[in-house]
Amino acid sequence: LMRRIIPLLIIIIGGAALLAPVIMLMELERMPGDYDLVLQGRHYLIPVTYSLCASVALALLYSIVKR
């Protein structure tokens, strides 16, 4: 069981990290769980929720295709 869960979690977290900049460029509305960051007068929205949702969807798609 752990041999299946750990790689899936790595795919989900890694996918979220890779998808965050792409989702930031889309300028989507803020969702609960997203972070607002203000550095040197610039406003950044870090889309944690969108990234995790997209990453989970890709991980599920990967597991379906793999079978």
N, C-alpha and C. Protein backbone atom coordinates (compact mmCIF):
# COMPACT_ATOMS: atom_id res chain seq x y z
N LEU A 1 0.83 -1.20 0.00
CA LEU A 1 0.00 0.00 0.00
C LEU A 1 0.87 1.26 0.00
N MET A 2 1.91 1.28 0.84
CA MET A 2 2.78 2.46 0.91
C MET A 2 3.57 2.64 -0.37
N ARG A 3 3.85 1.54 -1.08
CA ARG A 3 4.59 1.63 -2.33
C ARG A 3 3.78 2.34 -3.41
N ARG A 4 2.47 2.38 -3.26
CA ARG A 4 1.62 3.07 -4.23
C ARG A 4 1.32 4.49 -3.78
N ILE A 5 1.19 4.71 -2.48
CA ILE A 5 0.79 6.03 -1.98
C ILE A 5 1.93 7.04 -2.06
N ILE A 6 3.13 6.66 -1.67
CA ILE A 6 4.24 7.61 -1.65
C ILE A 6 4.56 8.14 -3.05
N PRO A 7 4.69 7.30 -4.08
CA PRO A 7 4.92 7.88 -5.42
C PRO A 7 3.78 8.77 -5.89
N LEU A 8 2.54 8.41 -5.55
CA LEU A 8 1.41 9.24 -5.93
C LEU A 8 1.46 10.60 -5.25
N LEU A 9 1.84 10.63 -3.96
CA LEU A 9 1.99 11.90 -3.25
C LEU A 9 3.12 12.73 -3.84
N ILE A 10 4.20 12.09 -4.23
CA ILE A 10 5.32 12.81 -4.85
C ILE A 10 4.87 13.42 -6.18
N ILE A 11 4.10 12.67 -6.95
CA ILE A 11 3.59 13.19 -8.23
C ILE A 11 2.66 14.38 -7.99
N ILE A 12 1.79 14.27 -6.99
CA ILE A 12 0.84 15.35 -6.70
C ILE A 12 1.56 16.61 -6.25
N ILE A 13 2.48 16.49 -5.31
CA ILE A 13 3.19 17.67 -4.79
C ILE A 13 4.11 18.26 -5.86
N GLY A 14 4.82 17.40 -6.58
CA GLY A 14 5.68 17.89 -7.66
C GLY A 14 4.90 18.56 -8.77
N GLY A 15 3.77 17.96 -9.11
CA GLY A 15 2.91 18.56 -10.14
C GLY A 15 2.37 19.91 -9.72
N ALA A 16 2.00 20.03 -8.45
CA ALA A 16 1.51 21.31 -7.95
C ALA A 16 2.60 22.37 -8.02
N ALA A 17 3.82 21.98 -7.70
CA ALA A 17 4.93 22.94 -7.76
C ALA A 17 5.22 23.36 -9.19
N LEU A 18 5.10 22.44 -10.13
CA LEU A 18 5.35 22.77 -11.53
C LEU A 18 4.21 23.55 -12.17
N LEU A 19 2.99 23.30 -11.72
CA LEU A 19 1.83 23.96 -12.32
C LEU A 19 1.56 25.35 -11.75
N ALA A 20 2.09 25.67 -10.58
CA ALA A 20 1.81 26.96 -9.94
C ALA A 20 2.16 28.15 -10.84
N PRO A 21 3.36 28.21 -11.45
CA PRO A 21 3.66 29.37 -12.31
C PRO A 21 2.73 29.47 -13.52
N VAL A 22 2.35 28.34 -14.08
CA VAL A 22 1.46 28.35 -15.24
C VAL A 22 0.09 28.90 -14.84
N ILE A 23 -0.40 28.46 -13.71
CA ILE A 23 -1.70 28.92 -13.24
C ILE A 23 -1.64 30.40 -12.84
N MET A 24 -0.50 30.84 -12.32
CA MET A 24 -0.35 32.26 -11.98
C MET A 24 -0.48 33.13 -13.23
N LEU A 25 0.02 32.65 -14.36
CA LEU A 25 -0.06 33.42 -15.60
C LEU A 25 -1.49 33.52 -16.13
N MET A 26 -2.35 32.60 -15.74
CA MET A 26 -3.75 32.63 -16.20
C MET A 26 -4.56 33.71 -15.51
N GLU A 27 -4.07 34.23 -14.41
CA GLU A 27 -4.73 35.29 -13.63
C GLU A 27 -6.17 34.91 -13.27
N LEU A 28 -6.34 33.73 -12.70
CA LEU A 28 -7.65 33.26 -12.26
C LEU A 28 -8.04 33.95 -10.96
N GLU A 29 -9.33 33.89 -10.64
CA GLU A 29 -9.81 34.48 -9.38
C GLU A 29 -9.24 33.72 -8.19
N ARG A 30 -9.17 34.40 -7.08
CA ARG A 30 -8.62 33.82 -5.86
C ARG A 30 -9.59 32.78 -5.29
N MET A 31 -9.05 31.64 -4.86
CA MET A 31 -9.84 30.60 -4.21
C MET A 31 -9.40 30.47 -2.76
N PRO A 32 -10.26 29.91 -1.90
CA PRO A 32 -9.82 29.66 -0.52
C PRO A 32 -8.61 28.74 -0.52
N GLY A 33 -7.61 29.08 0.23
CA GLY A 33 -6.38 28.29 0.28
C GLY A 33 -5.26 28.89 -0.55
N ASP A 34 -5.56 29.92 -1.34
CA ASP A 34 -4.52 30.61 -2.10
C ASP A 34 -3.90 31.68 -1.23
N TYR A 35 -2.64 31.99 -1.49
CA TYR A 35 -1.92 32.97 -0.67
C TYR A 35 -1.72 34.27 -1.44
N ASP A 36 -1.89 35.37 -0.74
CA ASP A 36 -1.54 36.68 -1.27
C ASP A 36 -0.19 37.08 -0.69
N LEU A 37 0.71 37.48 -1.54
CA LEU A 37 2.05 37.85 -1.10
C LEU A 37 2.38 39.23 -1.66
N VAL A 38 2.80 40.14 -0.81
CA VAL A 38 3.18 41.47 -1.25
C VAL A 38 4.65 41.67 -0.91
N LEU A 39 5.47 41.82 -1.95
CA LEU A 39 6.91 42.04 -1.79
C LEU A 39 7.30 43.30 -2.53
N GLN A 40 7.89 44.23 -1.84
CA GLN A 40 8.39 45.48 -2.41
C GLN A 40 7.32 46.17 -3.28
N GLY A 41 6.12 46.20 -2.77
CA GLY A 41 5.04 46.90 -3.46
C GLY A 41 4.37 46.11 -4.58
N ARG A 42 4.83 44.90 -4.85
CA ARG A 42 4.22 44.08 -5.88
C ARG A 42 3.34 43.02 -5.24
N HIS A 43 2.22 42.76 -5.87
CA HIS A 43 1.23 41.81 -5.35
C HIS A 43 1.34 40.50 -6.14
N TYR A 44 1.51 39.39 -5.42
CA TYR A 44 1.59 38.07 -6.03
C TYR A 44 0.51 37.18 -5.43
N LEU A 45 -0.16 36.44 -6.27
CA LEU A 45 -1.14 35.46 -5.83
C LEU A 45 -0.54 34.08 -6.07
N ILE A 46 -0.41 33.28 -5.01
CA ILE A 46 0.15 31.94 -5.13
C ILE A 46 -1.03 30.96 -5.11
N PRO A 47 -1.33 30.34 -6.26
CA PRO A 47 -2.54 29.53 -6.41
C PRO A 47 -2.38 28.09 -5.90
N VAL A 48 -2.36 27.92 -4.59
CA VAL A 48 -2.16 26.60 -4.00
C VAL A 48 -3.32 25.67 -4.35
N THR A 49 -4.54 26.14 -4.20
CA THR A 49 -5.71 25.29 -4.41
C THR A 49 -5.83 24.86 -5.87
N TYR A 50 -5.70 25.81 -6.80
CA TYR A 50 -5.76 25.46 -8.22
C TYR A 50 -4.66 24.47 -8.59
N SER A 51 -3.45 24.69 -8.08
CA SER A 51 -2.33 23.82 -8.41
C SER A 51 -2.55 22.41 -7.89
N LEU A 52 -3.04 22.29 -6.65
CA LEU A 52 -3.29 20.97 -6.10
C LEU A 52 -4.40 20.25 -6.85
N CYS A 53 -5.46 20.97 -7.21
CA CYS A 53 -6.56 20.36 -7.97
C CYS A 53 -6.07 19.86 -9.33
N ALA A 54 -5.31 20.68 -10.02
CA ALA A 54 -4.79 20.28 -11.33
C ALA A 54 -3.81 19.11 -11.20
N SER A 55 -3.00 19.13 -10.17
CA SER A 55 -2.04 18.06 -9.95
C SER A 55 -2.74 16.73 -9.63
N VAL A 56 -3.77 16.78 -8.81
CA VAL A 56 -4.53 15.56 -8.49
C VAL A 56 -5.19 15.02 -9.76
N ALA A 57 -5.74 15.90 -10.58
CA ALA A 57 -6.36 15.47 -11.82
C ALA A 57 -5.34 14.80 -12.74
N LEU A 58 -4.15 15.37 -12.84
CA LEU A 58 -3.11 14.77 -13.67
C LEU A 58 -2.63 13.44 -13.10
N ALA A 59 -2.53 13.34 -11.77
CA ALA A 59 -2.11 12.09 -11.14
C ALA A 59 -3.15 10.99 -11.38
N LEU A 60 -4.43 11.35 -11.30
CA LEU A 60 -5.48 10.37 -11.58
C LEU A 60 -5.45 9.94 -13.05
N LEU A 61 -5.25 10.89 -13.93
CA LEU A 61 -5.16 10.57 -15.34
C LEU A 61 -3.97 9.64 -15.60
N TYR A 62 -2.85 9.93 -14.95
CA TYR A 62 -1.65 9.09 -15.09
C TYR A 62 -1.93 7.67 -14.60
N SER A 63 -2.60 7.55 -13.46
CA SER A 63 -2.87 6.21 -12.93
C SER A 63 -3.86 5.44 -13.80
N ILE A 64 -4.80 6.12 -14.43
CA ILE A 64 -5.74 5.47 -15.33
C ILE A 64 -5.03 5.00 -16.61
N VAL A 65 -4.18 5.87 -17.17
CA VAL A 65 -3.48 5.53 -18.38
C VAL A 65 -2.46 4.41 -18.15
N LYS A 66 -1.86 4.40 -16.98
CA LYS A 66 -0.86 3.40 -16.64
C LYS A 66 -1.45 1.99 -16.62
N ARG A 67 -2.71 1.86 -16.24
CA ARG A 67 -3.36 0.54 -16.20
C ARG A 67 -3.59 0.09 -17.59
